[in-house]
Protein backbone atom coordinates (compact mmCIF):
# COMPACT_ATOMS: atom_id res chain seq x y z
CA MET A 1 45.84 121.80 305.79
CA ALA A 2 44.36 120.61 309.06
CA LEU A 3 46.73 122.10 311.64
CA ILE A 4 45.52 123.43 314.99
CA ASN A 5 48.04 124.67 317.57
CA GLY A 6 50.71 122.69 315.78
CA ALA A 7 48.79 119.43 315.92
CA THR A 8 47.86 117.34 312.90
CA PHE A 9 44.77 115.27 312.38
CA PRO A 10 43.15 113.26 309.54
CA ILE A 11 40.13 114.21 307.44
CA ALA A 12 38.32 111.46 305.53
CA ALA A 13 36.45 112.16 302.31
CA VAL A 14 34.50 109.71 300.09
CA THR A 15 33.52 110.12 296.45
CA PRO A 16 30.99 109.69 295.00
CA PRO A 17 28.55 110.05 297.84
CA ALA A 18 26.08 107.56 296.33
CA LEU A 19 26.00 104.62 293.88
CA SER A 20 23.00 103.55 291.77
CA PHE A 21 22.85 100.07 290.27
CA GLY A 22 19.45 100.41 288.60
CA ASN A 23 17.42 97.24 287.78
CA GLN A 24 19.13 93.90 288.31
CA ASN A 25 17.78 90.38 287.80
CA ILE A 26 17.22 88.62 291.08
CA GLY A 27 20.20 86.40 291.83
CA ALA A 28 22.38 88.02 289.14
CA THR A 29 25.46 90.02 290.03
CA SER A 30 25.87 93.49 288.65
CA ALA A 31 28.91 95.07 287.17
CA THR A 32 31.23 96.59 289.78
CA GLN A 33 31.18 100.23 290.87
CA THR A 34 33.85 101.94 293.00
CA VAL A 35 34.08 104.45 295.87
CA THR A 36 37.30 106.35 296.65
CA LEU A 37 38.23 106.98 300.27
CA LYS A 38 40.84 109.78 300.60
CA ASN A 39 42.69 111.28 303.56
CA THR A 40 42.84 115.03 302.99
CA GLY A 41 44.24 115.79 306.48
CA THR A 42 47.76 116.15 307.89
CA GLY A 43 47.62 113.12 310.15
CA ILE A 44 47.40 109.42 309.56
CA LEU A 45 43.86 108.11 309.03
CA ASN A 46 43.28 104.96 311.07
CA ILE A 47 40.49 102.82 309.59
CA THR A 48 38.45 100.69 311.96
CA SER A 49 35.93 99.03 309.59
CA ILE A 50 34.25 99.17 306.20
CA GLY A 51 30.77 97.55 306.02
CA PHE A 52 27.10 97.90 305.35
CA ALA A 53 24.48 99.51 307.57
CA GLY A 54 21.72 97.13 306.37
CA ALA A 55 21.45 93.36 306.62
CA THR A 56 19.87 92.58 303.25
CA GLY A 57 22.97 90.81 301.87
CA ASP A 58 22.27 92.30 298.46
CA TYR A 59 25.61 94.17 298.26
CA THR A 60 29.16 93.00 298.64
CA GLN A 61 32.39 95.01 298.81
CA THR A 62 36.14 94.47 298.56
CA ASN A 63 38.80 97.15 299.21
CA ASN A 64 42.53 97.79 299.27
CA CYS A 65 42.38 100.31 302.14
CA GLY A 66 44.10 98.33 304.85
CA SER A 67 44.17 99.84 308.32
CA GLN A 68 45.73 103.27 307.54
CA LEU A 69 45.95 105.99 304.97
CA THR A 70 48.88 108.40 304.95
CA PRO A 71 48.40 112.19 305.21
CA ALA A 72 47.42 113.97 302.02
CA GLY A 73 50.19 113.80 299.43
CA GLY A 74 51.68 110.67 301.02
CA ALA A 75 52.42 107.38 299.31
CA LYS A 76 49.03 105.98 300.13
CA ASP A 77 46.58 108.76 300.92
CA ASN A 78 43.58 107.05 299.19
CA CYS A 79 42.12 103.64 298.54
CA THR A 80 39.31 102.01 296.50
CA ILE A 81 36.22 100.23 297.63
CA THR A 82 34.62 98.02 294.98
CA VAL A 83 30.91 97.27 295.25
CA THR A 84 28.55 94.81 293.47
CA PHE A 85 24.78 94.35 293.68
CA ALA A 86 23.03 90.97 293.57
CA PRO A 87 19.41 91.39 294.72
CA THR A 88 17.81 88.58 296.64
CA ALA A 89 14.26 89.85 296.22
CA ALA A 90 12.19 91.98 293.90
CA GLY A 91 11.73 95.73 294.46
CA SER A 92 13.89 98.56 295.75
CA ARG A 93 16.97 97.31 297.75
CA PRO A 94 18.72 100.32 299.34
CA ASP A 95 21.67 100.10 301.68
CA ILE A 96 24.56 102.23 302.97
CA ILE A 97 28.32 101.70 303.00
CA GLN A 98 29.73 102.85 306.37
CA ILE A 99 33.36 103.60 306.98
CA ALA A 100 34.48 103.88 310.60
CA ASP A 101 37.81 105.64 311.30
CA ASP A 102 39.42 108.27 313.56
CA SER A 103 38.42 111.21 311.39
CA ALA A 104 36.21 113.84 313.02
CA ASN A 105 33.47 113.10 310.46
CA SER A 106 33.39 109.37 311.11
CA PRO A 107 31.50 107.33 310.06
CA GLN A 108 31.43 108.28 306.42
CA ALA A 109 28.44 107.01 304.38
CA VAL A 110 27.78 106.19 300.77
CA ALA A 111 24.13 105.61 299.80
CA LEU A 112 23.47 102.52 297.66
CA SER A 113 20.37 102.00 295.50
CA GLY A 114 19.21 99.29 293.16
CA SER A 115 16.09 97.26 292.39
CA GLY A 116 15.65 93.53 292.04
CA VAL A 117 13.48 92.46 289.15
CA ALA A 118 11.86 89.07 288.47
CA VAL A 119 13.68 86.96 285.97
CA GLN A 120 12.08 87.09 282.48
CA GLY A 121 14.96 85.84 280.33
CA THR A 122 14.71 82.50 278.49
CA ILE A 123 17.63 80.33 277.39
CA GLN A 124 17.13 78.77 273.93
CA LEU A 125 19.58 76.19 272.51
CA SER A 126 19.62 75.22 268.84
CA PRO A 127 19.72 72.52 267.51
CA SER A 128 18.02 70.34 270.09
CA THR A 129 20.49 67.41 269.58
CA VAL A 130 23.99 67.08 268.13
CA ALA A 131 25.18 63.73 266.76
CA PHE A 132 28.85 63.24 265.84
CA GLY A 133 28.50 59.70 264.50
CA ASN A 134 31.64 57.51 264.32
CA GLN A 135 34.93 58.90 265.45
CA PRO A 136 38.19 56.89 265.69
CA ILE A 137 39.69 56.63 269.17
CA GLY A 138 42.38 59.20 269.77
CA THR A 139 41.15 61.71 267.14
CA THR A 140 39.04 64.83 267.44
CA SER A 141 35.98 65.55 265.32
CA THR A 142 35.19 68.69 263.45
CA ALA A 143 33.50 71.22 265.72
CA LYS A 144 29.72 71.50 265.63
CA THR A 145 27.99 74.83 266.48
CA ILE A 146 25.24 75.28 269.01
CA THR A 147 23.54 78.67 269.16
CA LEU A 148 22.50 80.08 272.57
CA THR A 149 19.85 82.84 272.32
CA ASN A 150 18.40 85.15 275.00
CA THR A 151 14.74 85.20 273.92
CA SER A 152 13.68 87.65 276.62
CA SER A 153 12.43 91.12 275.78
CA GLY A 154 14.20 93.92 277.60
CA PHE A 155 16.20 91.79 280.07
CA ALA A 156 19.84 90.86 279.79
CA LEU A 157 20.80 87.24 280.45
CA THR A 158 23.52 86.26 282.90
CA ILE A 159 25.18 82.99 281.94
CA SER A 160 26.55 81.17 284.93
CA SER A 161 28.08 78.06 283.33
CA ILE A 162 28.27 75.92 280.16
CA THR A 163 29.22 72.28 280.67
CA THR A 164 29.19 69.01 278.67
CA GLY A 165 29.28 66.48 281.51
CA ASN A 166 31.61 64.12 279.70
CA ALA A 167 35.33 64.51 279.00
CA ALA A 168 34.88 63.11 275.52
CA PHE A 169 33.02 66.32 274.53
CA LYS A 170 34.82 69.64 274.71
CA GLN A 171 33.29 73.07 274.29
CA THR A 172 34.47 76.63 273.65
CA ASN A 173 32.24 79.62 273.30
CA ASN A 174 32.11 83.39 272.71
CA CYS A 175 29.32 83.89 275.26
CA PRO A 176 29.72 86.67 277.87
CA VAL A 177 31.11 85.58 281.22
CA SER A 178 29.28 86.70 284.39
CA PRO A 179 28.97 89.46 285.45
CA ALA A 180 28.85 90.43 281.75
CA THR A 181 25.44 89.65 280.21
CA LEU A 182 23.87 88.57 276.94
CA ALA A 183 21.54 91.30 275.70
CA ALA A 184 17.86 90.67 275.00
CA ASN A 185 17.30 88.83 271.68
CA ALA A 186 21.08 88.45 271.22
CA ASN A 187 22.89 85.16 270.73
CA CYS A 188 26.29 83.59 271.09
CA ALA A 189 27.97 80.45 269.67
CA ILE A 190 29.13 77.30 271.46
CA GLN A 191 31.57 75.06 269.57
CA VAL A 192 31.61 71.37 270.58
CA THR A 193 34.06 68.67 269.54
CA PHE A 194 34.09 64.90 270.13
CA ALA A 195 37.30 63.00 271.01
CA PRO A 196 36.46 59.42 272.25
CA SER A 197 38.92 57.47 274.37
CA ALA A 198 37.23 54.09 273.98
CA ALA A 199 35.30 52.05 271.37
CA ALA A 200 31.80 52.71 272.66
CA ASN A 201 28.72 54.82 272.33
CA VAL A 202 29.12 58.08 274.26
CA ASN A 203 26.11 60.11 275.44
CA ALA A 204 26.16 63.40 277.30
CA ASN A 205 24.32 66.67 277.68
CA LEU A 206 25.46 70.20 277.00
CA THR A 207 23.97 72.19 279.90
CA VAL A 208 23.68 75.97 280.17
CA THR A 209 22.77 77.59 283.51
CA GLY A 210 22.01 81.19 284.09
CA ILE A 211 19.61 83.73 285.46
CA ALA A 212 16.56 82.71 283.40
CA SER A 213 13.10 81.39 284.04
CA ASN A 214 13.88 78.07 282.36
CA SER A 215 17.43 77.54 283.64
CA PRO A 216 19.10 75.12 283.29
CA GLN A 217 18.68 74.09 279.64
CA SER A 218 20.28 71.00 278.04
CA ILE A 219 20.64 69.36 274.64
CA ALA A 220 21.80 65.77 273.89
CA LEU A 221 25.27 65.02 272.58
CA THR A 222 25.96 61.60 271.00
CA GLY A 223 28.93 59.95 269.34
CA THR A 224 30.55 56.56 268.82
CA GLY A 225 34.18 55.79 269.40
CA THR A 226 35.52 53.31 266.93
CA SER A 227 38.64 51.09 267.18
CA ALA A 228 41.83 52.11 265.44
CA GLY A 229 41.69 50.90 261.86
CA ALA A 230 37.89 50.56 261.85
CA SER A 231 36.39 52.02 258.72
CA GLY A 232 33.22 52.03 256.71
CA ALA A 233 29.64 52.99 257.41
CA PRO A 234 27.79 51.53 260.41
CA ASP A 235 26.40 48.07 259.51
CA PHE A 236 25.57 44.73 261.06
CA THR A 237 25.84 41.00 260.46
CA LEU A 238 23.05 38.43 260.95
CA THR A 239 23.91 34.85 261.88
CA SER A 240 21.97 31.71 262.88
CA SER A 241 22.75 29.30 265.69
CA GLN A 242 21.84 26.38 263.35
CA GLN A 243 22.50 25.83 259.65
CA SER A 244 19.78 23.19 259.23
CA ILE A 245 16.72 21.68 260.93
CA THR A 246 14.75 18.47 260.28
CA GLU A 247 11.05 17.77 260.75
CA PRO A 248 8.68 14.88 259.81
CA SER A 249 6.16 15.39 257.02
CA THR A 250 3.38 14.68 259.52
CA GLY A 251 4.17 17.94 261.28
CA GLY A 252 6.41 19.41 263.96
CA THR A 253 8.06 22.53 265.39
CA ALA A 254 11.76 23.57 265.56
CA THR A 255 13.46 26.64 267.10
CA PHE A 256 16.82 28.32 266.65
CA GLN A 257 18.50 31.61 267.48
CA VAL A 258 19.51 34.46 265.18
CA SER A 259 22.01 37.09 266.44
CA ALA A 260 22.86 40.58 265.10
CA ALA A 261 26.36 41.92 265.64
CA PRO A 262 27.05 45.66 265.10
CA LEU A 263 29.84 46.92 262.87
CA ASN A 264 31.30 50.43 263.21
CA GLY A 265 28.92 51.34 265.98
CA PHE A 266 25.63 50.42 264.28
CA ASN A 267 22.95 51.57 266.73
CA GLN A 268 19.54 51.45 265.06
CA ALA A 269 16.47 49.30 265.59
CA LEU A 270 16.47 46.10 263.55
CA ASN A 271 13.14 44.64 262.32
CA LEU A 272 13.09 40.80 261.78
CA THR A 273 11.01 38.94 259.23
CA CYS A 274 10.91 35.21 258.40
CA THR A 275 9.97 33.54 255.09
CA ALA A 276 9.09 29.80 255.00
CA PRO A 277 8.11 27.47 252.10
CA SER A 278 4.52 26.43 251.39
CA GLY A 279 3.28 24.02 254.03
CA ALA A 280 5.40 25.61 256.79
CA SER A 281 5.35 28.86 258.77
CA CYS A 282 7.94 30.77 260.81
CA SER A 283 8.19 33.79 263.11
CA ALA A 284 10.80 35.66 265.15
CA SER A 285 10.45 36.69 268.82
CA PRO A 286 11.06 39.49 269.51
CA ALA A 287 10.31 40.86 266.04
CA SER A 288 12.63 43.81 266.61
CA LEU A 289 16.14 43.98 268.08
CA THR A 290 17.62 47.06 269.76
CA MET A 291 21.15 47.76 268.56
CA ASP A 292 23.36 49.94 270.76
CA GLY A 293 26.58 49.79 268.80
CA THR A 294 28.37 47.29 271.02
CA SER A 295 26.19 44.43 272.37
CA ILE A 296 24.91 41.48 270.26
CA PRO A 297 21.16 40.95 270.73
CA SER A 298 19.38 37.79 269.61
CA ALA A 299 15.87 36.49 268.80
CA THR A 300 14.23 33.05 268.78
CA VAL A 301 12.89 31.79 265.41
CA THR A 302 10.15 29.20 265.45
CA VAL A 303 9.50 27.03 262.33
CA THR A 304 6.29 24.94 262.15
CA VAL A 305 5.69 22.19 259.59
CA ALA A 306 2.01 21.52 258.81
CA GLY A 307 0.54 18.11 259.84
CA ALA A 308 -1.47 15.57 257.79
CA SER A 309 -4.97 16.37 256.41
CA GLY A 310 -7.64 14.43 254.39
CA GLY A 311 -8.49 14.77 250.69
CA GLY A 312 -5.03 14.21 249.23
CA ILE A 313 -3.73 11.58 246.86
CA ASN A 314 -2.56 8.22 248.25
CA PRO A 315 0.89 7.65 246.83
CA HIS A 316 0.29 3.81 246.96
CA THR A 317 -2.43 4.07 244.32
CA SER A 318 -0.21 5.57 241.67
CA GLU A 319 0.54 2.11 240.18
CA LEU A 320 -3.14 1.26 239.96
CA ARG A 321 -3.69 4.45 238.02
CA GLN A 322 -1.14 3.36 235.44
CA VAL A 323 -2.73 -0.15 235.17
CA ARG A 324 -6.29 1.25 234.82
CA ARG A 325 -5.75 3.02 231.54
CA PRO A 326 -4.60 0.03 229.35
CA ILE A 327 -7.24 -2.30 230.87
CA PHE A 328 -10.04 0.12 230.15
CA ALA A 329 -8.72 0.81 226.66
CA SER A 330 -8.54 -2.90 225.80
CA ILE A 331 -12.02 -3.70 227.01
CA LEU A 332 -13.76 -0.71 225.37
CA PRO A 333 -13.84 -2.14 221.77
CA PHE A 334 -15.44 -5.37 222.93
CA CYS A 335 -18.05 -3.40 224.80
CA VAL A 336 -18.96 -1.44 221.73
CA PHE A 337 -19.16 -4.62 219.51
CA GLY A 338 -21.40 -6.34 222.06
CA MET A 339 -23.81 -3.44 222.13
CA VAL A 340 -24.23 -3.66 218.37
CA ALA A 341 -24.52 -7.46 218.20
CA ILE A 342 -27.15 -8.07 220.88
CA GLY A 343 -30.75 -7.13 220.87
CA ARG A 344 -32.39 -4.02 222.32
CA LYS A 345 -33.57 -5.62 225.57
CA ARG A 346 -30.25 -7.16 226.28
CA ARG A 347 -28.49 -4.01 225.18
CA THR A 348 -30.01 -2.09 228.09
CA MET A 349 -28.82 -4.71 230.54
CA PHE A 350 -25.36 -4.61 228.99
CA VAL A 351 -25.07 -0.83 229.43
CA LEU A 352 -25.91 -1.16 233.13
CA LEU A 353 -23.21 -3.81 233.60
CA LEU A 354 -20.66 -1.66 231.80
CA VAL A 355 -21.38 1.33 234.10
CA LEU A 356 -21.02 -0.89 237.14
CA PHE A 357 -17.66 -2.23 235.87
CA ALA A 358 -16.30 1.26 235.31
CA THR A 359 -17.36 2.41 238.77
CA VAL A 360 -15.57 -0.52 240.45
CA LEU A 361 -12.42 0.08 238.42
CA PHE A 362 -12.26 3.82 239.28
CA SER A 363 -13.01 3.31 242.97
CA VAL A 364 -10.10 0.93 243.25
CA ASN A 365 -7.92 3.75 242.03
CA CYS A 366 -9.35 6.63 244.08
CA GLY A 367 -10.79 5.23 247.29
CA GLY A 368 -9.24 5.65 250.75
CA ALA A 369 -6.88 8.57 249.81
CA SER A 370 -5.34 10.81 252.54
CA SER A 371 -2.44 13.36 252.66
CA GLY A 372 0.79 12.58 254.46
CA GLY A 373 1.39 16.32 255.31
CA MET A 374 4.17 18.49 253.80
CA PRO A 375 5.86 16.49 251.02
CA PRO A 376 9.27 15.17 251.94
CA GLY A 377 12.17 17.25 250.54
CA THR A 378 14.70 19.97 251.22
CA TYR A 379 13.55 23.55 251.64
CA GLN A 380 14.94 26.97 252.65
CA VAL A 381 13.88 29.18 255.54
CA MET A 382 15.10 32.79 255.34
CA VAL A 383 15.36 35.29 258.21
CA THR A 384 15.91 38.94 257.26
CA GLY A 385 16.98 41.86 259.51
CA ALA A 386 16.30 45.36 258.12
CA ALA A 387 16.88 48.87 259.52
CA THR A 388 15.73 52.20 258.10
CA GLY A 389 16.98 55.71 258.74
CA ALA A 390 20.41 57.26 258.56
CA ASN A 391 22.18 53.90 258.39
CA ALA A 392 19.63 51.84 256.43
CA ALA A 393 20.77 48.24 255.93
CA SER A 394 19.31 44.77 255.29
CA HIS A 395 20.91 41.34 255.67
CA SER A 396 19.58 37.77 255.63
CA THR A 397 20.57 34.35 256.86
CA THR A 398 19.28 31.06 255.36
CA ILE A 399 18.57 27.78 257.18
CA THR A 400 17.97 24.44 255.43
CA LEU A 401 14.71 22.71 256.33
CA THR A 402 14.64 18.98 255.67
CA VAL A 403 11.23 17.24 255.71
CA ASN A 404 11.29 13.44 256.07
């Protein structure tokens, strides 16, 4: 016991005299280590300060020492100083804890050592996207698992945070919380659920940050909130702004709109095709509609009826065609009788006259013909929307085309 001429005085002792933190990733915080400060004297130890001799900022400390320690054997004759190491640069990063007090051996010192190492860890998330599909408002989906792997070799991975960025997606995980680390080549599981609050498409990213060369890393999360009572697979309806169009047989162009409305969050690309009768053509612009599950996109359909062209049959000569046949049939026997009854010289002349008569008769029937364009009548134009993929579907709408 420290007692000189009846006087008492404190004696400060620290254990251990040094702390070693080994290698630590730059920017990552180590596990804690502790130093014990004890008053082994007979007098009260008055503590002035506890700090670091260096100015690197690589070490931090907290303590429960207060301003005094009681004499040895008292209620509080010792306290604990907790130290962590978070290197700010590569290489050896030494420092010293200094404790100033009224002990004769003040200041007490504890040597600190540790090395900062360049980050070599890599965060890997699998799968690269997670799709929840349709989920009724107010309900929670089955959890989907995302695997987080530390693909580094020889370096532990410190995980700083795991977030989804949208309240509709919740996550839980069994990953180590800093300052704990994920060992090299080890993995942990992240469970994500989807609970939409509105009837809409919801997109977000699961993001993992940590001490890694590729931090942060994200994967896409998607889901569609559906109204209460909505059921069935995603689908769409296809409707036309007009039920019929009319064009002249001599040619013309008509336009109308087709619209695609999503059902149950249908959100795939829709390819449009148009089928027209012979003598007409049609096309849709744009030829593809982008469906996002909520909006109703539309396209313009153009129908063109072909104009008139030469070389057809004149409808006004149809009656002449019917008259020609009996006339020719009735004259033919007389022609044959005449050829037999007359002489050879006159027979030659008769043949020439017969050929001339037939030519005139046929030209009356065929001459001056021209086409009036697409024949008058009622036709159908069909527009079809088709999607492939997870929610493959195809629907058509039909428009009546009247040609006058």
